[in-house]
mmCIF file of all heavy atoms, coordinates in Angstrom:
data_MODEL
# 
_entry.id   MODEL 
# 
loop_
_atom_site.group_PDB 
_atom_site.id 
_atom_site.type_symbol 
_atom_site.label_atom_id 
_atom_site.label_alt_id 
_atom_site.label_comp_id 
_atom_site.label_asym_id 
_atom_site.label_entity_id 
_atom_site.label_seq_id 
_atom_site.pdbx_PDB_ins_code 
_atom_site.Cartn_x 
_atom_site.Cartn_y 
_atom_site.Cartn_z 
_atom_site.occupancy 
_atom_site.B_iso_or_equiv 
_atom_site.pdbx_formal_charge 
_atom_site.auth_seq_id 
_atom_site.auth_comp_id 
_atom_site.auth_asym_id 
_atom_site.auth_atom_id 
_atom_site.pdbx_PDB_model_num 
ATOM 1   N N   . VAL A 1 1  ? 10.914 5.455  46.661 1.00 0.00 ? 1  VAL A N   1 
ATOM 2   C CA  . VAL A 1 1  ? 12.013 6.125  45.965 1.00 0.00 ? 1  VAL A CA  1 
ATOM 3   C C   . VAL A 1 1  ? 12.043 5.716  44.494 1.00 0.00 ? 1  VAL A C   1 
ATOM 4   O O   . VAL A 1 1  ? 12.236 6.560  43.612 1.00 0.00 ? 1  VAL A O   1 
ATOM 5   C CB  . VAL A 1 1  ? 13.363 5.844  46.665 1.00 0.00 ? 1  VAL A CB  1 
ATOM 6   C CG1 . VAL A 1 1  ? 14.530 6.342  45.843 1.00 0.00 ? 1  VAL A CG1 1 
ATOM 7   C CG2 . VAL A 1 1  ? 13.372 6.491  48.045 1.00 0.00 ? 1  VAL A CG2 1 
ATOM 8   N N   . ALA A 1 2  ? 11.804 4.458  44.198 1.00 0.00 ? 2  ALA A N   1 
ATOM 9   C CA  . ALA A 1 2  ? 11.765 4.013  42.801 1.00 0.00 ? 2  ALA A CA  1 
ATOM 10  C C   . ALA A 1 2  ? 10.613 4.683  42.059 1.00 0.00 ? 2  ALA A C   1 
ATOM 11  O O   . ALA A 1 2  ? 10.727 4.983  40.868 1.00 0.00 ? 2  ALA A O   1 
ATOM 12  C CB  . ALA A 1 2  ? 11.635 2.493  42.728 1.00 0.00 ? 2  ALA A CB  1 
ATOM 13  N N   . HIS A 1 3  ? 9.512  4.951  42.757 1.00 0.00 ? 3  HIS A N   1 
ATOM 14  C CA  . HIS A 1 3  ? 8.379  5.643  42.134 1.00 0.00 ? 3  HIS A CA  1 
ATOM 15  C C   . HIS A 1 3  ? 8.789  7.044  41.690 1.00 0.00 ? 3  HIS A C   1 
ATOM 16  O O   . HIS A 1 3  ? 8.380  7.507  40.631 1.00 0.00 ? 3  HIS A O   1 
ATOM 17  C CB  . HIS A 1 3  ? 7.200  5.704  43.115 1.00 0.00 ? 3  HIS A CB  1 
ATOM 18  C CG  . HIS A 1 3  ? 5.952  6.280  42.544 1.00 0.00 ? 3  HIS A CG  1 
ATOM 19  N ND1 . HIS A 1 3  ? 5.259  5.684  41.524 1.00 0.00 ? 3  HIS A ND1 1 
ATOM 20  C CD2 . HIS A 1 3  ? 5.273  7.411  42.850 1.00 0.00 ? 3  HIS A CD2 1 
ATOM 21  C CE1 . HIS A 1 3  ? 4.200  6.419  41.225 1.00 0.00 ? 3  HIS A CE1 1 
ATOM 22  N NE2 . HIS A 1 3  ? 4.189  7.478  42.016 1.00 0.00 ? 3  HIS A NE2 1 
ATOM 23  N N   . PHE A 1 4  ? 9.626  7.707  42.472 1.00 0.00 ? 4  PHE A N   1 
ATOM 24  C CA  . PHE A 1 4  ? 10.174 9.005  42.061 1.00 0.00 ? 4  PHE A CA  1 
ATOM 25  C C   . PHE A 1 4  ? 10.946 8.839  40.764 1.00 0.00 ? 4  PHE A C   1 
ATOM 26  O O   . PHE A 1 4  ? 10.753 9.586  39.810 1.00 0.00 ? 4  PHE A O   1 
ATOM 27  C CB  . PHE A 1 4  ? 11.121 9.558  43.136 1.00 0.00 ? 4  PHE A CB  1 
ATOM 28  C CG  . PHE A 1 4  ? 10.474 10.476 44.118 1.00 0.00 ? 4  PHE A CG  1 
ATOM 29  C CD1 . PHE A 1 4  ? 9.667  9.971  45.120 1.00 0.00 ? 4  PHE A CD1 1 
ATOM 30  C CD2 . PHE A 1 4  ? 10.664 11.838 44.052 1.00 0.00 ? 4  PHE A CD2 1 
ATOM 31  C CE1 . PHE A 1 4  ? 9.067  10.810 46.038 1.00 0.00 ? 4  PHE A CE1 1 
ATOM 32  C CE2 . PHE A 1 4  ? 10.075 12.699 44.967 1.00 0.00 ? 4  PHE A CE2 1 
ATOM 33  C CZ  . PHE A 1 4  ? 9.267  12.177 45.961 1.00 0.00 ? 4  PHE A CZ  1 
ATOM 34  N N   . GLU A 1 5  ? 11.841 7.841  40.729 1.00 0.00 ? 5  GLU A N   1 
ATOM 35  C CA  . GLU A 1 5  ? 12.702 7.639  39.558 1.00 0.00 ? 5  GLU A CA  1 
ATOM 36  C C   . GLU A 1 5  ? 11.915 7.202  38.323 1.00 0.00 ? 5  GLU A C   1 
ATOM 37  O O   . GLU A 1 5  ? 12.200 7.658  37.219 1.00 0.00 ? 5  GLU A O   1 
ATOM 38  C CB  . GLU A 1 5  ? 13.757 6.573  39.881 1.00 0.00 ? 5  GLU A CB  1 
ATOM 39  C CG  . GLU A 1 5  ? 14.676 6.950  41.002 1.00 0.00 ? 5  GLU A CG  1 
ATOM 40  C CD  . GLU A 1 5  ? 15.491 5.784  41.523 1.00 0.00 ? 5  GLU A CD  1 
ATOM 41  O OE1 . GLU A 1 5  ? 15.179 4.616  41.221 1.00 0.00 ? 5  GLU A OE1 1 
ATOM 42  O OE2 . GLU A 1 5  ? 16.435 6.045  42.264 1.00 0.00 ? 5  GLU A OE2 1 
ATOM 43  N N   . ASP A 1 6  ? 10.955 6.318  38.524 1.00 0.00 ? 6  ASP A N   1 
ATOM 44  C CA  . ASP A 1 6  ? 10.252 5.702  37.399 1.00 0.00 ? 6  ASP A CA  1 
ATOM 45  C C   . ASP A 1 6  ? 9.086  6.529  36.869 1.00 0.00 ? 6  ASP A C   1 
ATOM 46  O O   . ASP A 1 6  ? 8.688  6.355  35.716 1.00 0.00 ? 6  ASP A O   1 
ATOM 47  C CB  . ASP A 1 6  ? 9.719  4.323  37.794 1.00 0.00 ? 6  ASP A CB  1 
ATOM 48  C CG  . ASP A 1 6  ? 10.827 3.344  38.138 1.00 0.00 ? 6  ASP A CG  1 
ATOM 49  O OD1 . ASP A 1 6  ? 11.988 3.586  37.737 1.00 0.00 ? 6  ASP A OD1 1 
ATOM 50  O OD2 . ASP A 1 6  ? 10.538 2.332  38.812 1.00 0.00 ? 6  ASP A OD2 1 
ATOM 51  N N   . LYS A 1 7  ? 8.522  7.414  37.689 1.00 0.00 ? 7  LYS A N   1 
ATOM 52  C CA  . LYS A 1 7  ? 7.340  8.133  37.239 1.00 0.00 ? 7  LYS A CA  1 
ATOM 53  C C   . LYS A 1 7  ? 7.373  9.620  37.556 1.00 0.00 ? 7  LYS A C   1 
ATOM 54  O O   . LYS A 1 7  ? 7.258  10.455 36.667 1.00 0.00 ? 7  LYS A O   1 
ATOM 55  C CB  . LYS A 1 7  ? 6.087  7.515  37.841 1.00 0.00 ? 7  LYS A CB  1 
ATOM 56  C CG  . LYS A 1 7  ? 4.818  8.179  37.328 1.00 0.00 ? 7  LYS A CG  1 
ATOM 57  C CD  . LYS A 1 7  ? 3.579  7.454  37.762 1.00 0.00 ? 7  LYS A CD  1 
ATOM 58  C CE  . LYS A 1 7  ? 2.365  8.123  37.125 1.00 0.00 ? 7  LYS A CE  1 
ATOM 59  N NZ  . LYS A 1 7  ? 1.127  7.503  37.535 1.00 0.00 ? 7  LYS A NZ  1 
ATOM 60  N N   . LEU A 1 8  ? 7.485  9.973  38.820 1.00 0.00 ? 8  LEU A N   1 
ATOM 61  C CA  . LEU A 1 8  ? 7.301  11.366 39.227 1.00 0.00 ? 8  LEU A CA  1 
ATOM 62  C C   . LEU A 1 8  ? 8.288  12.323 38.561 1.00 0.00 ? 8  LEU A C   1 
ATOM 63  O O   . LEU A 1 8  ? 7.913  13.427 38.173 1.00 0.00 ? 8  LEU A O   1 
ATOM 64  C CB  . LEU A 1 8  ? 7.373  11.497 40.746 1.00 0.00 ? 8  LEU A CB  1 
ATOM 65  C CG  . LEU A 1 8  ? 6.285  10.765 41.525 1.00 0.00 ? 8  LEU A CG  1 
ATOM 66  C CD1 . LEU A 1 8  ? 6.497  10.937 43.023 1.00 0.00 ? 8  LEU A CD1 1 
ATOM 67  C CD2 . LEU A 1 8  ? 4.903  11.230 41.110 1.00 0.00 ? 8  LEU A CD2 1 
ATOM 68  N N   . LEU A 1 9  ? 9.543  11.917 38.436 1.00 0.00 ? 9  LEU A N   1 
ATOM 69  C CA  . LEU A 1 9  ? 10.551 12.805 37.853 1.00 0.00 ? 9  LEU A CA  1 
ATOM 70  C C   . LEU A 1 9  ? 10.434 12.903 36.326 1.00 0.00 ? 9  LEU A C   1 
ATOM 71  O O   . LEU A 1 9  ? 11.102 13.716 35.710 1.00 0.00 ? 9  LEU A O   1 
ATOM 72  C CB  . LEU A 1 9  ? 11.956 12.348 38.255 1.00 0.00 ? 9  LEU A CB  1 
ATOM 73  C CG  . LEU A 1 9  ? 12.239 12.407 39.755 1.00 0.00 ? 9  LEU A CG  1 
ATOM 74  C CD1 . LEU A 1 9  ? 13.628 11.839 40.052 1.00 0.00 ? 9  LEU A CD1 1 
ATOM 75  C CD2 . LEU A 1 9  ? 12.106 13.821 40.306 1.00 0.00 ? 9  LEU A CD2 1 
ATOM 76  N N   . LEU A 1 10 ? 9.564  12.100 35.735 1.00 0.00 ? 10 LEU A N   1 
ATOM 77  C CA  . LEU A 1 10 ? 9.401  12.084 34.273 1.00 0.00 ? 10 LEU A CA  1 
ATOM 78  C C   . LEU A 1 10 ? 8.088  12.693 33.800 1.00 0.00 ? 10 LEU A C   1 
ATOM 79  O O   . LEU A 1 10 ? 7.830  12.749 32.599 1.00 0.00 ? 10 LEU A O   1 
ATOM 80  C CB  . LEU A 1 10 ? 9.491  10.638 33.764 1.00 0.00 ? 10 LEU A CB  1 
ATOM 81  C CG  . LEU A 1 10 ? 10.753 9.870  34.162 1.00 0.00 ? 10 LEU A CG  1 
ATOM 82  C CD1 . LEU A 1 10 ? 10.644 8.428  33.703 1.00 0.00 ? 10 LEU A CD1 1 
ATOM 83  C CD2 . LEU A 1 10 ? 11.987 10.536 33.607 1.00 0.00 ? 10 LEU A CD2 1 
ATOM 84  N N   . LEU A 1 11 ? 7.259  13.169 34.722 1.00 0.00 ? 11 LEU A N   1 
ATOM 85  C CA  . LEU A 1 11 ? 5.932  13.651 34.362 1.00 0.00 ? 11 LEU A CA  1 
ATOM 86  C C   . LEU A 1 11 ? 5.949  14.820 33.383 1.00 0.00 ? 11 LEU A C   1 
ATOM 87  O O   . LEU A 1 11 ? 5.091  14.906 32.503 1.00 0.00 ? 11 LEU A O   1 
ATOM 88  C CB  . LEU A 1 11 ? 5.149  14.049 35.612 1.00 0.00 ? 11 LEU A CB  1 
ATOM 89  C CG  . LEU A 1 11 ? 4.626  12.887 36.454 1.00 0.00 ? 11 LEU A CG  1 
ATOM 90  C CD1 . LEU A 1 11 ? 3.994  13.411 37.730 1.00 0.00 ? 11 LEU A CD1 1 
ATOM 91  C CD2 . LEU A 1 11 ? 3.647  12.046 35.678 1.00 0.00 ? 11 LEU A CD2 1 
ATOM 92  N N   . ALA A 1 12 ? 6.910  15.715 33.494 1.00 0.00 ? 12 ALA A N   1 
ATOM 93  C CA  . ALA A 1 12 ? 6.947  16.894 32.624 1.00 0.00 ? 12 ALA A CA  1 
ATOM 94  C C   . ALA A 1 12 ? 7.024  16.496 31.151 1.00 0.00 ? 12 ALA A C   1 
ATOM 95  O O   . ALA A 1 12 ? 6.436  17.160 30.295 1.00 0.00 ? 12 ALA A O   1 
ATOM 96  C CB  . ALA A 1 12 ? 8.118  17.794 32.996 1.00 0.00 ? 12 ALA A CB  1 
ATOM 97  N N   . ASP A 1 13 ? 7.702  15.399 30.861 1.00 0.00 ? 13 ASP A N   1 
ATOM 98  C CA  . ASP A 1 13 ? 7.847  14.946 29.470 1.00 0.00 ? 13 ASP A CA  1 
ATOM 99  C C   . ASP A 1 13 ? 6.520  14.537 28.848 1.00 0.00 ? 13 ASP A C   1 
ATOM 100 O O   . ASP A 1 13 ? 6.374  14.570 27.630 1.00 0.00 ? 13 ASP A O   1 
ATOM 101 C CB  . ASP A 1 13 ? 8.815  13.763 29.395 1.00 0.00 ? 13 ASP A CB  1 
ATOM 102 C CG  . ASP A 1 13 ? 10.217 14.128 29.833 1.00 0.00 ? 13 ASP A CG  1 
ATOM 103 O OD1 . ASP A 1 13 ? 10.569 15.326 29.777 1.00 0.00 ? 13 ASP A OD1 1 
ATOM 104 O OD2 . ASP A 1 13 ? 10.956 13.222 30.242 1.00 0.00 ? 13 ASP A OD2 1 
ATOM 105 N N   . GLY A 1 14 ? 5.537  14.182 29.669 1.00 0.00 ? 14 GLY A N   1 
ATOM 106 C CA  . GLY A 1 14 ? 4.274  13.712 29.149 1.00 0.00 ? 14 GLY A CA  1 
ATOM 107 C C   . GLY A 1 14 ? 3.179  14.763 29.060 1.00 0.00 ? 14 GLY A C   1 
ATOM 108 O O   . GLY A 1 14 ? 2.065  14.463 28.630 1.00 0.00 ? 14 GLY A O   1 
ATOM 109 N N   . MET A 1 15 ? 3.479  15.989 29.411 1.00 0.00 ? 15 MET A N   1 
ATOM 110 C CA  . MET A 1 15 ? 2.463  17.038 29.369 1.00 0.00 ? 15 MET A CA  1 
ATOM 111 C C   . MET A 1 15 ? 2.187  17.442 27.922 1.00 0.00 ? 15 MET A C   1 
ATOM 112 O O   . MET A 1 15 ? 3.102  17.529 27.116 1.00 0.00 ? 15 MET A O   1 
ATOM 113 C CB  . MET A 1 15 ? 2.909  18.264 30.164 1.00 0.00 ? 15 MET A CB  1 
ATOM 114 C CG  . MET A 1 15 ? 3.097  18.019 31.653 1.00 0.00 ? 15 MET A CG  1 
ATOM 115 S SD  . MET A 1 15 ? 1.578  17.602 32.498 1.00 0.00 ? 15 MET A SD  1 
ATOM 116 C CE  . MET A 1 15 ? 1.894  15.926 32.988 1.00 0.00 ? 15 MET A CE  1 
ATOM 117 N N   . SER A 1 16 ? 0.929  17.689 27.615 1.00 0.00 ? 16 SER A N   1 
ATOM 118 C CA  . SER A 1 16 ? 0.570  17.962 26.227 1.00 0.00 ? 16 SER A CA  1 
ATOM 119 C C   . SER A 1 16 ? 0.428  19.445 25.900 1.00 0.00 ? 16 SER A C   1 
ATOM 120 O O   . SER A 1 16 ? 0.339  19.798 24.727 1.00 0.00 ? 16 SER A O   1 
ATOM 121 C CB  . SER A 1 16 ? -0.732 17.234 25.872 1.00 0.00 ? 16 SER A CB  1 
ATOM 122 O OG  . SER A 1 16 ? -1.772 17.648 26.733 1.00 0.00 ? 16 SER A OG  1 
ATOM 123 N N   . THR A 1 17 ? 0.425  20.301 26.902 1.00 0.00 ? 17 THR A N   1 
ATOM 124 C CA  . THR A 1 17 ? 0.325  21.740 26.628 1.00 0.00 ? 17 THR A CA  1 
ATOM 125 C C   . THR A 1 17 ? 1.583  22.443 27.137 1.00 0.00 ? 17 THR A C   1 
ATOM 126 O O   . THR A 1 17 ? 2.264  21.949 28.040 1.00 0.00 ? 17 THR A O   1 
ATOM 127 C CB  . THR A 1 17 ? -0.898 22.371 27.322 1.00 0.00 ? 17 THR A CB  1 
ATOM 128 O OG1 . THR A 1 17 ? -0.716 22.310 28.737 1.00 0.00 ? 17 THR A OG1 1 
ATOM 129 C CG2 . THR A 1 17 ? -2.183 21.675 26.915 1.00 0.00 ? 17 THR A CG2 1 
ATOM 130 N N   . GLN A 1 18 ? 1.860  23.590 26.584 1.00 0.00 ? 18 GLN A N   1 
ATOM 131 C CA  . GLN A 1 18 ? 3.015  24.375 27.020 1.00 0.00 ? 18 GLN A CA  1 
ATOM 132 C C   . GLN A 1 18 ? 2.879  24.753 28.492 1.00 0.00 ? 18 GLN A C   1 
ATOM 133 O O   . GLN A 1 18 ? 3.835  24.642 29.253 1.00 0.00 ? 18 GLN A O   1 
ATOM 134 C CB  . GLN A 1 18 ? 3.159  25.632 26.153 1.00 0.00 ? 18 GLN A CB  1 
ATOM 135 C CG  . GLN A 1 18 ? 4.349  26.498 26.498 1.00 0.00 ? 18 GLN A CG  1 
ATOM 136 C CD  . GLN A 1 18 ? 5.679  25.801 26.219 1.00 0.00 ? 18 GLN A CD  1 
ATOM 137 O OE1 . GLN A 1 18 ? 5.768  24.842 25.455 1.00 0.00 ? 18 GLN A OE1 1 
ATOM 138 N NE2 . GLN A 1 18 ? 6.724  26.284 26.845 1.00 0.00 ? 18 GLN A NE2 1 
ATOM 139 N N   . ALA A 1 19 ? 1.682  25.187 28.891 1.00 0.00 ? 19 ALA A N   1 
ATOM 140 C CA  . ALA A 1 19 ? 1.464  25.559 30.291 1.00 0.00 ? 19 ALA A CA  1 
ATOM 141 C C   . ALA A 1 19 ? 1.680  24.365 31.220 1.00 0.00 ? 19 ALA A C   1 
ATOM 142 O O   . ALA A 1 19 ? 2.286  24.500 32.290 1.00 0.00 ? 19 ALA A O   1 
ATOM 143 C CB  . ALA A 1 19 ? 0.056  26.117 30.476 1.00 0.00 ? 19 ALA A CB  1 
ATOM 144 N N   . GLY A 1 20 ? 1.208  23.213 30.804 1.00 0.00 ? 20 GLY A N   1 
ATOM 145 C CA  . GLY A 1 20 ? 1.404  22.000 31.596 1.00 0.00 ? 20 GLY A CA  1 
ATOM 146 C C   . GLY A 1 20 ? 2.869  21.635 31.720 1.00 0.00 ? 20 GLY A C   1 
ATOM 147 O O   . GLY A 1 20 ? 3.332  21.232 32.792 1.00 0.00 ? 20 GLY A O   1 
ATOM 148 N N   . ARG A 1 21 ? 3.621  21.770 30.628 1.00 0.00 ? 21 ARG A N   1 
ATOM 149 C CA  . ARG A 1 21 ? 5.053  21.460 30.664 1.00 0.00 ? 21 ARG A CA  1 
ATOM 150 C C   . ARG A 1 21 ? 5.803  22.415 31.576 1.00 0.00 ? 21 ARG A C   1 
ATOM 151 O O   . ARG A 1 21 ? 6.692  22.004 32.326 1.00 0.00 ? 21 ARG A O   1 
ATOM 152 C CB  . ARG A 1 21 ? 5.638  21.482 29.257 1.00 0.00 ? 21 ARG A CB  1 
ATOM 153 C CG  . ARG A 1 21 ? 5.248  20.258 28.434 1.00 0.00 ? 21 ARG A CG  1 
ATOM 154 C CD  . ARG A 1 21 ? 5.982  20.206 27.109 1.00 0.00 ? 21 ARG A CD  1 
ATOM 155 N NE  . ARG A 1 21 ? 5.576  21.261 26.196 1.00 0.00 ? 21 ARG A NE  1 
ATOM 156 C CZ  . ARG A 1 21 ? 4.521  21.208 25.399 1.00 0.00 ? 21 ARG A CZ  1 
ATOM 157 N NH1 . ARG A 1 21 ? 3.745  20.132 25.393 1.00 0.00 ? 21 ARG A NH1 1 
ATOM 158 N NH2 . ARG A 1 21 ? 4.217  22.205 24.591 1.00 0.00 ? 21 ARG A NH2 1 
ATOM 159 N N   . ILE A 1 22 ? 5.436  23.693 31.541 1.00 0.00 ? 22 ILE A N   1 
ATOM 160 C CA  . ILE A 1 22 ? 6.099  24.686 32.395 1.00 0.00 ? 22 ILE A CA  1 
ATOM 161 C C   . ILE A 1 22 ? 5.833  24.389 33.863 1.00 0.00 ? 22 ILE A C   1 
ATOM 162 O O   . ILE A 1 22 ? 6.751  24.361 34.688 1.00 0.00 ? 22 ILE A O   1 
ATOM 163 C CB  . ILE A 1 22 ? 5.646  26.112 32.023 1.00 0.00 ? 22 ILE A CB  1 
ATOM 164 C CG1 . ILE A 1 22 ? 6.207  26.491 30.654 1.00 0.00 ? 22 ILE A CG1 1 
ATOM 165 C CG2 . ILE A 1 22 ? 6.075  27.127 33.080 1.00 0.00 ? 22 ILE A CG2 1 
ATOM 166 C CD1 . ILE A 1 22 ? 5.612  27.757 30.067 1.00 0.00 ? 22 ILE A CD1 1 
ATOM 167 N N   . LEU A 1 23 ? 4.568  24.163 34.195 1.00 0.00 ? 23 LEU A N   1 
ATOM 168 C CA  . LEU A 1 23 ? 4.201  23.865 35.574 1.00 0.00 ? 23 LEU A CA  1 
ATOM 169 C C   . LEU A 1 23 ? 4.851  22.563 36.042 1.00 0.00 ? 23 LEU A C   1 
ATOM 170 O O   . LEU A 1 23 ? 5.411  22.488 37.138 1.00 0.00 ? 23 LEU A O   1 
ATOM 171 C CB  . LEU A 1 23 ? 2.681  23.774 35.708 1.00 0.00 ? 23 LEU A CB  1 
ATOM 172 C CG  . LEU A 1 23 ? 2.117  23.543 37.091 1.00 0.00 ? 23 LEU A CG  1 
ATOM 173 C CD1 . LEU A 1 23 ? 2.549  24.642 38.050 1.00 0.00 ? 23 LEU A CD1 1 
ATOM 174 C CD2 . LEU A 1 23 ? 0.607  23.476 37.021 1.00 0.00 ? 23 LEU A CD2 1 
ATOM 175 N N   . ALA A 1 24 ? 4.802  21.539 35.204 1.00 0.00 ? 24 ALA A N   1 
ATOM 176 C CA  . ALA A 1 24 ? 5.394  20.251 35.563 1.00 0.00 ? 24 ALA A CA  1 
ATOM 177 C C   . ALA A 1 24 ? 6.909  20.359 35.702 1.00 0.00 ? 24 ALA A C   1 
ATOM 178 O O   . ALA A 1 24 ? 7.500  19.702 36.568 1.00 0.00 ? 24 ALA A O   1 
ATOM 179 C CB  . ALA A 1 24 ? 5.027  19.194 34.530 1.00 0.00 ? 24 ALA A CB  1 
ATOM 180 N N   . ALA A 1 25 ? 7.558  21.166 34.886 1.00 0.00 ? 25 ALA A N   1 
ATOM 181 C CA  . ALA A 1 25 ? 9.010  21.343 34.998 1.00 0.00 ? 25 ALA A CA  1 
ATOM 182 C C   . ALA A 1 25 ? 9.370  22.005 36.325 1.00 0.00 ? 25 ALA A C   1 
ATOM 183 O O   . ALA A 1 25 ? 10.327 21.602 36.992 1.00 0.00 ? 25 ALA A O   1 
ATOM 184 C CB  . ALA A 1 25 ? 9.533  22.169 33.837 1.00 0.00 ? 25 ALA A CB  1 
ATOM 185 N N   . ARG A 1 26 ? 8.600  23.000 36.721 1.00 0.00 ? 26 ARG A N   1 
ATOM 186 C CA  . ARG A 1 26 ? 8.858  23.683 37.990 1.00 0.00 ? 26 ARG A CA  1 
ATOM 187 C C   . ARG A 1 26 ? 8.644  22.732 39.164 1.00 0.00 ? 26 ARG A C   1 
ATOM 188 O O   . ARG A 1 26 ? 9.474  22.649 40.062 1.00 0.00 ? 26 ARG A O   1 
ATOM 189 C CB  . ARG A 1 26 ? 7.962  24.909 38.117 1.00 0.00 ? 26 ARG A CB  1 
ATOM 190 C CG  . ARG A 1 26 ? 8.303  25.763 39.318 1.00 0.00 ? 26 ARG A CG  1 
ATOM 191 C CD  . ARG A 1 26 ? 7.569  27.078 39.347 1.00 0.00 ? 26 ARG A CD  1 
ATOM 192 N NE  . ARG A 1 26 ? 6.135  26.866 39.526 1.00 0.00 ? 26 ARG A NE  1 
ATOM 193 C CZ  . ARG A 1 26 ? 5.188  27.423 38.790 1.00 0.00 ? 26 ARG A CZ  1 
ATOM 194 N NH1 . ARG A 1 26 ? 5.502  28.241 37.808 1.00 0.00 ? 26 ARG A NH1 1 
ATOM 195 N NH2 . ARG A 1 26 ? 3.922  27.178 39.033 1.00 0.00 ? 26 ARG A NH2 1 
ATOM 196 N N   . ARG A 1 27 ? 7.561  22.005 39.142 1.00 0.00 ? 27 ARG A N   1 
ATOM 197 C CA  . ARG A 1 27 ? 7.294  21.049 40.219 1.00 0.00 ? 27 ARG A CA  1 
ATOM 198 C C   . ARG A 1 27 ? 8.283  19.893 40.189 1.00 0.00 ? 27 ARG A C   1 
ATOM 199 O O   . ARG A 1 27 ? 8.693  19.383 41.227 1.00 0.00 ? 27 ARG A O   1 
ATOM 200 C CB  . ARG A 1 27 ? 5.859  20.546 40.120 1.00 0.00 ? 27 ARG A CB  1 
ATOM 201 C CG  . ARG A 1 27 ? 4.872  21.642 40.477 1.00 0.00 ? 27 ARG A CG  1 
ATOM 202 C CD  . ARG A 1 27 ? 3.460  21.174 40.408 1.00 0.00 ? 27 ARG A CD  1 
ATOM 203 N NE  . ARG A 1 27 ? 2.555  22.259 40.782 1.00 0.00 ? 27 ARG A NE  1 
ATOM 204 C CZ  . ARG A 1 27 ? 1.261  22.202 40.656 1.00 0.00 ? 27 ARG A CZ  1 
ATOM 205 N NH1 . ARG A 1 27 ? 0.687  21.119 40.164 1.00 0.00 ? 27 ARG A NH1 1 
ATOM 206 N NH2 . ARG A 1 27 ? 0.516  23.223 41.021 1.00 0.00 ? 27 ARG A NH2 1 
# 
């Protein structure tokens, strides 16, 4: 559960392309 909080839920912020950010935001 901490892994969700510390990493998985924050992945969208680290995407470098617009397409990556969109996909990561949806997931």
